[in-house]
Amino acid sequence: MKESNFVYQLAKPTDVDQIVALFELCLGADGGAPTAAFWNWKHNQNPGGISPVLLAWDKDKLIGIRAFMCYKFHSNEGEMKAYRPVDTATHPEYQGKGIFSHLTLSLIEDLKKIDQKAFIFNTPNGQSKPGYIKMGWIEWGKPLLQILPTFTFSVNSFAKDQAILLAHDFSMINAVATHHIAVCKDSAYYHWRYQKIPMQQYGLKEIKVGKDDYIILYRQKKMKFLHEFRVCDVVKNNVSCTTIPVPFFVKLFFSFGLGFISFINNKMLWFSIKLNKKSPMVTFRKINDHDNNLLFQDLDWNIGELELF
């Protein structure tokens, strides 16, 4: 069967059920396939923008999917759009026919037609990274992922922290630009990312350090006999932050149960452990030639935007 027989079209709202069905075929209903509610939350309700999703058809049979999730970044130089290649699936009977590459490169060509300052980033694994490098991606590097043990034997009440998160009012949060490029996180972003997400799995803690008020948005994961408390986002005085002072971590030690805290911080702490092998490799590529002036190295990250969800 030749690829020329296939038709490539941008997805329509009415295609969601067939998209979910193809993921279930490829991954299984219990293997990570998205539900229709999750797909719509992620790709159609995202305040960063509606995801461009390209589909491959063999007549009336859906055989391939490629979605680029939207983000809004900003800095003192202004705002810019970013796209993250995330969800992809190829029908088992059509694998090895170049559908994945064609979908990816076709979406990039579509993005080139939009007059915007934008780039593409993702966190491919070791198997998929060589393919992205061939398609023009460049290694940005790994963010500074660190861990700290928690110094308490009390049990963390994750259910309580989930309830606190769902009741929290994010309306006072402002997105403040700095000289570094970072995801533009305003109240709409936090509400969408942590409160509206189907299968809600995050908690919120409030910590006061001196005159500063911090909000910690975290995910609790069971790791054999311990728990990982993954700090996904930190908000300081209603503004997102990526550089966290030492006194904050001193209080954080006693805020969780037995286990360890994982986090990304711009600076290495002398009492933390660096996890370079576990840190995701971030790759990026420009979309148009006039995007050369984007300072890709000056990027701030939190776990929240690098998590695969």
C-alpha atoms as a PDB file:
ATOM      1  CA  MET A   1       0.000   0.000   0.000  1.00  0.00           C
ATOM      2  CA  LYS A   2       1.563   3.313  -1.047  1.00  0.00           C
ATOM      3  CA  GLU A   3       1.572   6.403   1.133  1.00  0.00           C
ATOM      4  CA  SER A   4       0.159   8.407  -1.794  1.00  0.00           C
ATOM      5  CA  ASN A   5      -3.137   6.649  -1.170  1.00  0.00           C
ATOM      6  CA  PHE A   6      -3.406   8.239   2.252  1.00  0.00           C
ATOM      7  CA  VAL A   7      -5.152  11.542   2.939  1.00  0.00           C
ATOM      8  CA  TYR A   8      -3.813  13.970   5.576  1.00  0.00           C
ATOM      9  CA  GLN A   9      -6.242  16.414   7.162  1.00  0.00           C
ATOM     10  CA  LEU A  10      -6.409  18.628  10.214  1.00  0.00           C
ATOM     11  CA  ALA A  11      -8.648  17.157  12.904  1.00  0.00           C
ATOM     12  CA  LYS A  12     -12.179  18.418  13.472  1.00  0.00           C
ATOM     13  CA  PRO A  13     -14.110  18.378  16.784  1.00  0.00           C
ATOM     14  CA  THR A  14     -16.208  15.519  15.440  1.00  0.00           C
ATOM     15  CA  ASP A  15     -13.065  13.336  15.078  1.00  0.00           C
ATOM     16  CA  VAL A  16     -12.420  12.973  18.829  1.00  0.00           C
ATOM     17  CA  ASP A  17     -14.233   9.640  19.215  1.00  0.00           C
ATOM     18  CA  GLN A  18     -12.249   8.082  16.352  1.00  0.00           C
ATOM     19  CA  ILE A  19      -9.009   9.533  17.760  1.00  0.00           C
ATOM     20  CA  VAL A  20      -9.683   7.946  21.153  1.00  0.00           C
ATOM     21  CA  ALA A  21     -10.607   4.649  19.466  1.00  0.00           C
ATOM     22  CA  LEU A  22      -7.285   4.529  17.594  1.00  0.00           C
ATOM     23  CA  PHE A  23      -5.330   5.198  20.797  1.00  0.00           C
ATOM     24  CA  GLU A  24      -7.248   2.406  22.520  1.00  0.00           C
ATOM     25  CA  LEU A  25      -6.384   0.091  19.649  1.00  0.00           C
ATOM     26  CA  CYS A  26      -2.688   0.993  19.875  1.00  0.00           C
ATOM     27  CA  LEU A  27      -2.317   1.269  23.658  1.00  0.00           C
ATOM     28  CA  GLY A  28      -5.327  -0.481  25.148  1.00  0.00           C
ATOM     29  CA  ALA A  29      -8.021   1.197  27.233  1.00  0.00           C
ATOM     30  CA  ASP A  30      -5.896   0.546  30.353  1.00  0.00           C
ATOM     31  CA  GLY A  31      -2.569   1.273  28.673  1.00  0.00           C
ATOM     32  CA  GLY A  32      -2.626   5.042  28.710  1.00  0.00           C
ATOM     33  CA  ALA A  33      -5.137   5.792  25.969  1.00  0.00           C
ATOM     34  CA  PRO A  34      -6.803   9.186  26.562  1.00  0.00           C
ATOM     35  CA  THR A  35     -10.499   9.519  27.223  1.00  0.00           C
ATOM     36  CA  ALA A  36     -12.520  11.999  25.176  1.00  0.00           C
ATOM     37  CA  ALA A  37     -12.733  14.305  28.223  1.00  0.00           C
ATOM     38  CA  PHE A  38      -8.956  14.219  28.717  1.00  0.00           C
ATOM     39  CA  TRP A  39      -8.274  14.820  25.017  1.00  0.00           C
ATOM     40  CA  ASN A  40     -10.589  17.836  24.947  1.00  0.00           C
ATOM     41  CA  TRP A  41      -9.079  19.252  28.148  1.00  0.00           C
ATOM     42  CA  LYS A  42      -5.539  18.862  26.841  1.00  0.00           C
ATOM     43  CA  HIS A  43      -5.964  19.911  23.229  1.00  0.00           C
ATOM     44  CA  ASN A  44      -9.148  21.977  22.936  1.00  0.00           C
ATOM     45  CA  GLN A  45      -9.471  23.765  26.295  1.00  0.00           C
ATOM     46  CA  ASN A  46      -5.796  24.662  26.812  1.00  0.00           C
ATOM     47  CA  PRO A  47      -5.457  28.438  27.436  1.00  0.00           C
ATOM     48  CA  GLY A  48      -2.227  28.299  25.424  1.00  0.00           C
ATOM     49  CA  GLY A  49      -4.293  27.564  22.337  1.00  0.00           C
ATOM     50  CA  ILE A  50      -6.097  24.778  20.497  1.00  0.00           C
ATOM     51  CA  SER A  51      -3.618  22.092  19.458  1.00  0.00           C
ATOM     52  CA  PRO A  52      -3.003  21.584  15.758  1.00  0.00           C
ATOM     53  CA  VAL A  53      -3.797  17.894  15.228  1.00  0.00           C
ATOM     54  CA  LEU A  54      -3.103  16.209  11.905  1.00  0.00           C
ATOM     55  CA  LEU A  55      -4.784  12.929  10.973  1.00  0.00           C
ATOM     56  CA  ALA A  56      -3.920  10.338   8.341  1.00  0.00           C
ATOM     57  CA  TRP A  57      -6.768   8.503   6.628  1.00  0.00           C
ATOM     58  CA  ASP A  58      -6.965   5.481   4.392  1.00  0.00           C
ATOM     59  CA  LYS A  59     -10.360   6.243   2.851  1.00  0.00           C
ATOM     60  CA  ASP A  60     -12.666   6.392   5.901  1.00  0.00           C
ATOM     61  CA  LYS A  61     -10.246   4.565   8.207  1.00  0.00           C
ATOM     62  CA  LEU A  62      -8.183   6.629  10.669  1.00  0.00           C
ATOM     63  CA  ILE A  63      -4.620   5.293  10.570  1.00  0.00           C
ATOM     64  CA  GLY A  64      -2.450   8.025  12.109  1.00  0.00           C
ATOM     65  CA  ILE A  65      -2.537  10.890  14.603  1.00  0.00           C
ATOM     66  CA  ARG A  66      -0.068  13.649  15.460  1.00  0.00           C
ATOM     67  CA  ALA A  67      -0.823  16.417  17.956  1.00  0.00           C
ATOM     68  CA  PHE A  68       1.271  19.475  18.853  1.00  0.00           C
ATOM     69  CA  MET A  69       0.265  20.890  22.230  1.00  0.00           C
ATOM     70  CA  CYS A  70       0.288  24.695  22.525  1.00  0.00           C
ATOM     71  CA  TYR A  71       2.128  26.824  25.067  1.00  0.00           C
ATOM     72  CA  LYS A  72       2.523  30.554  25.494  1.00  0.00           C
ATOM     73  CA  PHE A  73       6.020  31.687  26.516  1.00  0.00           C
ATOM     74  CA  HIS A  74       7.153  35.178  27.436  1.00  0.00           C
ATOM     75  CA  SER A  75      10.137  37.264  28.468  1.00  0.00           C
ATOM     76  CA  ASN A  76      11.044  40.927  28.670  1.00  0.00           C
ATOM     77  CA  GLU A  77      11.318  40.807  24.872  1.00  0.00           C
ATOM     78  CA  GLY A  78       7.634  39.896  24.485  1.00  0.00           C
ATOM     79  CA  GLU A  79       5.445  36.842  23.982  1.00  0.00           C
ATOM     80  CA  MET A  80       5.988  33.878  21.708  1.00  0.00           C
ATOM     81  CA  LYS A  81       4.164  30.683  20.846  1.00  0.00           C
ATOM     82  CA  ALA A  82       5.567  27.233  21.482  1.00  0.00           C
ATOM     83  CA  TYR A  83       4.433  23.829  20.335  1.00  0.00           C
ATOM     84  CA  ARG A  84       5.182  20.492  21.937  1.00  0.00           C
ATOM     85  CA  PRO A  85       4.810  17.271  19.917  1.00  0.00           C
ATOM     86  CA  VAL A  86       3.012  14.977  22.311  1.00  0.00           C
ATOM     87  CA  ASP A  87       0.329  12.486  21.335  1.00  0.00           C
ATOM     88  CA  THR A  88       0.927  10.251  18.343  1.00  0.00           C
ATOM     89  CA  ALA A  89      -0.431   6.924  17.169  1.00  0.00           C
ATOM     90  CA  THR A  90      -0.175   4.809  14.036  1.00  0.00           C
ATOM     91  CA  HIS A  91      -2.565   1.975  13.284  1.00  0.00           C
ATOM     92  CA  PRO A  92      -0.733  -1.365  13.844  1.00  0.00           C
ATOM     93  CA  GLU A  93      -1.437  -2.434  10.256  1.00  0.00           C
ATOM     94  CA  TYR A  94       0.185   0.726   8.852  1.00  0.00           C
ATOM     95  CA  GLN A  95       3.390   1.009  10.843  1.00  0.00           C
ATOM     96  CA  GLY A  96       6.684   1.350   8.975  1.00  0.00           C
ATOM     97  CA  LYS A  97       5.151   3.356   6.139  1.00  0.00           C
ATOM     98  CA  GLY A  98       6.541   6.760   7.153  1.00  0.00           C
ATOM     99  CA  ILE A  99       3.217   8.032   8.482  1.00  0.00           C
ATOM    100  CA  PHE A 100       4.708   9.391  11.729  1.00  0.00           C
ATOM    101  CA  SER A 101       7.420  11.417   9.937  1.00  0.00           C
ATOM    102  CA  HIS A 102       4.979  12.678   7.323  1.00  0.00           C
ATOM    103  CA  LEU A 103       2.498  13.832   9.971  1.00  0.00           C
ATOM    104  CA  THR A 104       5.218  15.583  11.986  1.00  0.00           C
ATOM    105  CA  LEU A 105       6.869  17.378   9.064  1.00  0.00           C
ATOM    106  CA  SER A 106       3.518  18.312   7.536  1.00  0.00           C
ATOM    107  CA  LEU A 107       2.439  19.961  10.782  1.00  0.00           C
ATOM    108  CA  ILE A 108       5.680  21.948  10.855  1.00  0.00           C
ATOM    109  CA  GLU A 109       5.037  23.120   7.293  1.00  0.00           C
ATOM    110  CA  ASP A 110       1.550  24.232   8.346  1.00  0.00           C
ATOM    111  CA  LEU A 111       3.049  26.191  11.262  1.00  0.00           C
ATOM    112  CA  LYS A 112       5.503  27.919   8.915  1.00  0.00           C
ATOM    113  CA  LYS A 113       2.542  29.488   7.115  1.00  0.00           C
ATOM    114  CA  ILE A 114       1.494  31.289  10.314  1.00  0.00           C
ATOM    115  CA  ASP A 115       3.233  34.620  10.823  1.00  0.00           C
ATOM    116  CA  GLN A 116       4.268  34.235  14.442  1.00  0.00           C
ATOM    117  CA  LYS A 117       7.332  34.142  16.642  1.00  0.00           C
ATOM    118  CA  ALA A 118       7.402  30.522  17.737  1.00  0.00           C
ATOM    119  CA  PHE A 119       9.455  27.408  18.389  1.00  0.00           C
ATOM    120  CA  ILE A 120       8.931  23.696  19.035  1.00  0.00           C
ATOM    121  CA  PHE A 121      10.224  21.760  22.036  1.00  0.00           C
ATOM    122  CA  ASN A 122       9.799  18.296  23.483  1.00  0.00           C
ATOM    123  CA  THR A 123      11.405  15.667  25.724  1.00  0.00           C
ATOM    124  CA  PRO A 124      11.957  12.574  23.553  1.00  0.00           C
ATOM    125  CA  ASN A 125      13.224   9.330  25.008  1.00  0.00           C
ATOM    126  CA  GLY A 126      16.404   7.600  23.878  1.00  0.00           C
ATOM    127  CA  GLN A 127      14.625   5.648  21.176  1.00  0.00           C
ATOM    128  CA  SER A 128      12.765   8.544  19.572  1.00  0.00           C
ATOM    129  CA  LYS A 129      15.428  11.249  19.932  1.00  0.00           C
ATOM    130  CA  PRO A 130      17.536  10.173  16.899  1.00  0.00           C
ATOM    131  CA  GLY A 131      14.457  10.508  14.689  1.00  0.00           C
ATOM    132  CA  TYR A 132      13.805  14.022  15.938  1.00  0.00           C
ATOM    133  CA  ILE A 133      17.459  14.995  15.413  1.00  0.00           C
ATOM    134  CA  LYS A 134      17.123  13.867  11.774  1.00  0.00           C
ATOM    135  CA  MET A 135      14.061  16.109  11.432  1.00  0.00           C
ATOM    136  CA  GLY A 136      15.952  19.201  12.644  1.00  0.00           C
ATOM    137  CA  TRP A 137      15.680  19.120  16.423  1.00  0.00           C
ATOM    138  CA  ILE A 138      18.628  20.299  18.547  1.00  0.00           C
ATOM    139  CA  GLU A 139      19.505  19.307  22.111  1.00  0.00           C
ATOM    140  CA  TRP A 140      18.820  22.113  24.584  1.00  0.00           C
ATOM    141  CA  GLY A 141      20.073  20.057  27.512  1.00  0.00           C
ATOM    142  CA  LYS A 142      18.746  18.799  30.816  1.00  0.00           C
ATOM    143  CA  PRO A 143      17.190  21.005  33.505  1.00  0.00           C
ATOM    144  CA  LEU A 144      18.701  20.829  36.984  1.00  0.00           C
ATOM    145  CA  LEU A 145      16.628  18.042  38.552  1.00  0.00           C
ATOM    146  CA  GLN A 146      17.392  17.494  42.238  1.00  0.00           C
ATOM    147  CA  ILE A 147      16.076  15.433  45.140  1.00  0.00           C
ATOM    148  CA  LEU A 148      15.992  15.883  48.901  1.00  0.00           C
ATOM    149  CA  PRO A 149      14.894  13.456  51.616  1.00  0.00           C
ATOM    150  CA  THR A 150      12.029  14.454  53.888  1.00  0.00           C
ATOM    151  CA  PHE A 151      12.787  14.580  57.591  1.00  0.00           C
ATOM    152  CA  THR A 152       9.538  13.465  59.127  1.00  0.00           C
ATOM    153  CA  PHE A 153       7.733  10.236  59.877  1.00  0.00           C
ATOM    154  CA  SER A 154       4.285  11.775  59.779  1.00  0.00           C
ATOM    155  CA  VAL A 155       1.885  10.638  57.059  1.00  0.00           C
ATOM    156  CA  ASN A 156       1.246  13.133  54.289  1.00  0.00           C
ATOM    157  CA  SER A 157      -2.476  13.822  53.820  1.00  0.00           C
ATOM    158  CA  PHE A 158      -2.561  13.920  50.038  1.00  0.00           C
ATOM    159  CA  ALA A 159      -6.368  13.752  49.939  1.00  0.00           C
ATOM    160  CA  LYS A 160      -6.501  16.868  52.114  1.00  0.00           C
ATOM    161  CA  ASP A 161      -4.031  18.684  49.856  1.00  0.00           C
ATOM    162  CA  GLN A 162      -6.078  17.701  46.802  1.00  0.00           C
ATOM    163  CA  ALA A 163      -9.175  19.224  48.378  1.00  0.00           C
ATOM    164  CA  ILE A 164      -7.238  22.395  49.225  1.00  0.00           C
ATOM    165  CA  LEU A 165      -6.079  22.645  45.608  1.00  0.00           C
ATOM    166  CA  LEU A 166      -9.567  22.247  44.169  1.00  0.00           C
ATOM    167  CA  ALA A 167     -10.900  24.969  46.479  1.00  0.00           C
ATOM    168  CA  HIS A 168      -8.006  27.383  45.915  1.00  0.00           C
ATOM    169  CA  ASP A 169      -8.605  30.726  44.193  1.00  0.00           C
ATOM    170  CA  PHE A 170      -5.913  31.325  41.555  1.00  0.00           C
ATOM    171  CA  SER A 171      -7.439  34.574  40.315  1.00  0.00           C
ATOM    172  CA  MET A 172      -4.770  36.749  41.999  1.00  0.00           C
ATOM    173  CA  ILE A 173      -1.849  35.123  40.158  1.00  0.00           C
ATOM    174  CA  ASN A 174      -0.041  37.316  37.634  1.00  0.00           C
ATOM    175  CA  ALA A 175       2.285  36.291  34.817  1.00  0.00           C
ATOM    176  CA  VAL A 176       5.394  38.464  35.218  1.00  0.00           C
ATOM    177  CA  ALA A 177       8.040  38.371  32.475  1.00  0.00           C
ATOM    178  CA  THR A 178      11.789  38.305  33.203  1.00  0.00           C
ATOM    179  CA  HIS A 179      14.913  38.326  31.030  1.00  0.00           C
ATOM    180  CA  HIS A 180      14.606  34.531  30.708  1.00  0.00           C
ATOM    181  CA  ILE A 181      12.086  32.781  28.463  1.00  0.00           C
ATOM    182  CA  ALA A 182       9.476  30.901  30.494  1.00  0.00           C
ATOM    183  CA  VAL A 183       5.957  29.550  30.182  1.00  0.00           C
ATOM    184  CA  CYS A 184       3.461  32.365  30.681  1.00  0.00           C
ATOM    185  CA  LYS A 185       1.608  31.173  33.781  1.00  0.00           C
ATOM    186  CA  ASP A 186      -1.367  33.301  34.680  1.00  0.00           C
ATOM    187  CA  SER A 187      -4.475  32.430  36.675  1.00  0.00           C
ATOM    188  CA  ALA A 188      -6.115  30.764  33.665  1.00  0.00           C
ATOM    189  CA  TYR A 189      -3.086  28.501  33.200  1.00  0.00           C
ATOM    190  CA  TYR A 190      -3.045  27.306  36.812  1.00  0.00           C
ATOM    191  CA  HIS A 191      -6.800  26.784  36.877  1.00  0.00           C
ATOM    192  CA  TRP A 192      -6.664  24.712  33.688  1.00  0.00           C
ATOM    193  CA  ARG A 193      -3.468  22.816  34.478  1.00  0.00           C
ATOM    194  CA  TYR A 194      -4.166  21.747  38.064  1.00  0.00           C
ATOM    195  CA  GLN A 195      -7.876  22.164  38.787  1.00  0.00           C
ATOM    196  CA  LYS A 196      -9.719  21.327  35.566  1.00  0.00           C
ATOM    197  CA  ILE A 197      -7.567  18.331  34.625  1.00  0.00           C
ATOM    198  CA  PRO A 198      -9.595  15.092  34.462  1.00  0.00           C
ATOM    199  CA  MET A 199      -8.364  12.390  36.836  1.00  0.00           C
ATOM    200  CA  GLN A 200      -7.045  15.084  39.157  1.00  0.00           C
ATOM    201  CA  GLN A 201      -3.773  13.949  40.752  1.00  0.00           C
ATOM    202  CA  TYR A 202      -2.193  17.025  42.312  1.00  0.00           C
ATOM    203  CA  GLY A 203      -2.116  18.612  45.745  1.00  0.00           C
ATOM    204  CA  LEU A 204      -1.385  22.083  47.095  1.00  0.00           C
ATOM    205  CA  LYS A 205       0.599  23.197  50.131  1.00  0.00           C
ATOM    206  CA  GLU A 206       1.116  26.731  51.428  1.00  0.00           C
ATOM    207  CA  ILE A 207       4.400  27.731  53.068  1.00  0.00           C
ATOM    208  CA  LYS A 208       5.426  31.072  54.497  1.00  0.00           C
ATOM    209  CA  VAL A 209       9.119  32.044  54.478  1.00  0.00           C
ATOM    210  CA  GLY A 210       9.689  35.416  56.152  1.00  0.00           C
ATOM    211  CA  LYS A 211       7.374  37.863  54.414  1.00  0.00           C
ATOM    212  CA  ASP A 212       6.969  35.672  51.331  1.00  0.00           C
ATOM    213  CA  ASP A 213       4.008  33.370  50.690  1.00  0.00           C
ATOM    214  CA  TYR A 214       4.661  30.250  48.627  1.00  0.00           C
ATOM    215  CA  ILE A 215       2.246  27.839  46.972  1.00  0.00           C
ATOM    216  CA  ILE A 216       3.552  24.384  46.111  1.00  0.00           C
ATOM    217  CA  LEU A 217       1.719  22.338  43.507  1.00  0.00           C
ATOM    218  CA  TYR A 218       2.890  18.773  43.708  1.00  0.00           C
ATOM    219  CA  ARG A 219       2.194  15.215  42.671  1.00  0.00           C
ATOM    220  CA  GLN A 220       2.590  12.270  45.037  1.00  0.00           C
ATOM    221  CA  LYS A 221       3.890   9.019  43.558  1.00  0.00           C
ATOM    222  CA  LYS A 222       4.439   5.684  45.281  1.00  0.00           C
ATOM    223  CA  MET A 223       8.036   4.470  44.928  1.00  0.00           C
ATOM    224  CA  LYS A 224       8.230   0.997  46.524  1.00  0.00           C
ATOM    225  CA  PHE A 225       8.473   1.714  50.257  1.00  0.00           C
ATOM    226  CA  LEU A 226       8.676   5.498  49.936  1.00  0.00           C
ATOM    227  CA  HIS A 227       6.776   8.333  48.295  1.00  0.00           C
ATOM    228  CA  GLU A 228       8.109  10.778  45.765  1.00  0.00           C
ATOM    229  CA  PHE A 229       6.730  14.268  46.287  1.00  0.00           C
ATOM    230  CA  ARG A 230       7.213  15.844  42.875  1.00  0.00           C
ATOM    231  CA  VAL A 231       7.191  19.639  43.059  1.00  0.00           C
ATOM    232  CA  CYS A 232       5.602  20.591  39.739  1.00  0.00           C
ATOM    233  CA  ASP A 233       5.158  24.333  40.219  1.00  0.00           C
ATOM    234  CA  VAL A 234       6.033  26.924  42.826  1.00  0.00           C
ATOM    235  CA  VAL A 235       4.271  30.275  43.120  1.00  0.00           C
ATOM    236  CA  LYS A 236       5.832  33.063  45.193  1.00  0.00           C
ATOM    237  CA  ASN A 237       3.638  36.018  46.153  1.00  0.00           C
ATOM    238  CA  ASN A 238       1.239  35.158  43.308  1.00  0.00           C
ATOM    239  CA  VAL A 239       4.005  34.931  40.680  1.00  0.00           C
ATOM    240  CA  SER A 240       5.544  31.761  39.247  1.00  0.00           C
ATOM    241  CA  CYS A 241       9.162  31.246  40.287  1.00  0.00           C
ATOM    242  CA  THR A 242      12.007  28.905  39.343  1.00  0.00           C
ATOM    243  CA  THR A 243      14.738  30.070  41.729  1.00  0.00           C
ATOM    244  CA  ILE A 244      13.872  29.024  45.269  1.00  0.00           C
ATOM    245  CA  PRO A 245      15.773  30.100  48.418  1.00  0.00           C
ATOM    246  CA  VAL A 246      17.284  27.647  50.900  1.00  0.00           C
ATOM    247  CA  PRO A 247      14.882  28.540  53.786  1.00  0.00           C
ATOM    248  CA  PHE A 248      12.006  27.395  51.597  1.00  0.00           C
ATOM    249  CA  PHE A 249      13.479  23.905  51.363  1.00  0.00           C
ATOM    250  CA  VAL A 250      14.186  23.796  55.092  1.00  0.00           C
ATOM    251  CA  LYS A 251      10.454  24.179  55.701  1.00  0.00           C
ATOM    252  CA  LEU A 252       9.658  21.809  52.867  1.00  0.00           C
ATOM    253  CA  PHE A 253      11.622  19.058  54.646  1.00  0.00           C
ATOM    254  CA  PHE A 254       8.928  18.880  57.319  1.00  0.00           C
ATOM    255  CA  SER A 255       5.897  19.407  55.091  1.00  0.00           C
ATOM    256  CA  PHE A 256       5.661  15.913  53.613  1.00  0.00           C
ATOM    257  CA  GLY A 257       5.634  12.345  54.863  1.00  0.00           C
ATOM    258  CA  LEU A 258       8.443   9.816  54.639  1.00  0.00           C
ATOM    259  CA  GLY A 259      10.106   9.848  51.238  1.00  0.00           C
ATOM    260  CA  PHE A 260      11.898  12.389  49.071  1.00  0.00           C
ATOM    261  CA  ILE A 261      11.160  15.624  47.233  1.00  0.00           C
ATOM    262  CA  SER A 262      12.037  16.011  43.556  1.00  0.00           C
ATOM    263  CA  PHE A 263      12.229  19.458  41.971  1.00  0.00           C
ATOM    264  CA  ILE A 264      13.872  21.639  39.337  1.00  0.00           C
ATOM    265  CA  ASN A 265      15.707  24.701  40.552  1.00  0.00           C
ATOM    266  CA  ASN A 266      17.906  27.130  38.629  1.00  0.00           C
ATOM    267  CA  LYS A 267      20.650  26.728  41.212  1.00  0.00           C
ATOM    268  CA  MET A 268      22.235  23.584  42.625  1.00  0.00           C
ATOM    269  CA  LEU A 269      21.723  23.266  46.362  1.00  0.00           C
ATOM    270  CA  TRP A 270      24.736  22.064  48.338  1.00  0.00           C
ATOM    271  CA  PHE A 271      22.606  19.647  50.365  1.00  0.00           C
ATOM    272  CA  SER A 272      20.629  18.134  47.460  1.00  0.00           C
ATOM    273  CA  ILE A 273      21.411  15.294  45.047  1.00  0.00           C
ATOM    274  CA  LYS A 274      21.524  15.962  41.311  1.00  0.00           C
ATOM    275  CA  LEU A 275      19.699  13.411  39.139  1.00  0.00           C
ATOM    276  CA  ASN A 276      21.201  14.041  35.734  1.00  0.00           C
ATOM    277  CA  LYS A 277      20.305  10.585  34.356  1.00  0.00           C
ATOM    278  CA  LYS A 278      16.661  10.952  35.402  1.00  0.00           C
ATOM    279  CA  SER A 279      16.323  14.519  34.158  1.00  0.00           C
ATOM    280  CA  PRO A 280      14.548  14.727  30.775  1.00  0.00           C
ATOM    281  CA  MET A 281      16.537  15.802  27.736  1.00  0.00           C
ATOM    282  CA  VAL A 282      14.846  18.844  26.227  1.00  0.00           C
ATOM    283  CA  THR A 283      15.141  19.284  22.478  1.00  0.00           C
ATOM    284  CA  PHE A 284      13.908  22.163  20.333  1.00  0.00           C
ATOM    285  CA  ARG A 285      13.799  23.497  16.810  1.00  0.00           C
ATOM    286  CA  LYS A 286      12.890  26.776  15.207  1.00  0.00           C
ATOM    287  CA  ILE A 287       9.943  26.984  12.836  1.00  0.00           C
ATOM    288  CA  ASN A 288      10.965  29.861  10.577  1.00  0.00           C
ATOM    289  CA  ASP A 289      14.338  31.402   9.744  1.00  0.00           C
ATOM    290  CA  HIS A 290      13.415  34.671  11.444  1.00  0.00           C
ATOM    291  CA  ASP A 291      13.225  32.796  14.757  1.00  0.00           C
ATOM    292  CA  ASN A 292      17.033  32.716  14.931  1.00  0.00           C
ATOM    293  CA  ASN A 293      17.015  35.482  17.518  1.00  0.00           C
ATOM    294  CA  LEU A 294      15.240  33.318  20.098  1.00  0.00           C
ATOM    295  CA  LEU A 295      17.633  32.776  22.992  1.00  0.00           C
ATOM    296  CA  PHE A 296      16.888  29.103  23.460  1.00  0.00           C
ATOM    297  CA  GLN A 297      19.545  28.651  26.125  1.00  0.00           C
ATOM    298  CA  ASP A 298      17.857  31.233  28.383  1.00  0.00           C
ATOM    299  CA  LEU A 299      14.907  29.027  29.265  1.00  0.00           C
ATOM    300  CA  ASP A 300      13.420  28.484  32.715  1.00  0.00           C
ATOM    301  CA  TRP A 301      11.642  25.228  33.431  1.00  0.00           C
ATOM    302  CA  ASN A 302       9.530  23.654  36.151  1.00  0.00           C
ATOM    303  CA  ILE A 303       8.525  20.007  36.290  1.00  0.00           C
ATOM    304  CA  GLY A 304       4.918  21.010  35.636  1.00  0.00           C
ATOM    305  CA  GLU A 305       5.427  21.935  31.985  1.00  0.00           C
ATOM    306  CA  LEU A 306       7.874  19.094  31.258  1.00  0.00           C
ATOM    307  CA  GLU A 307       5.684  16.362  32.722  1.00  0.00           C
ATOM    308  CA  LEU A 308       4.147  14.038  30.171  1.00  0.00           C
ATOM    309  CA  PHE A 309       0.406  14.002  30.738  1.00  0.00           C
END
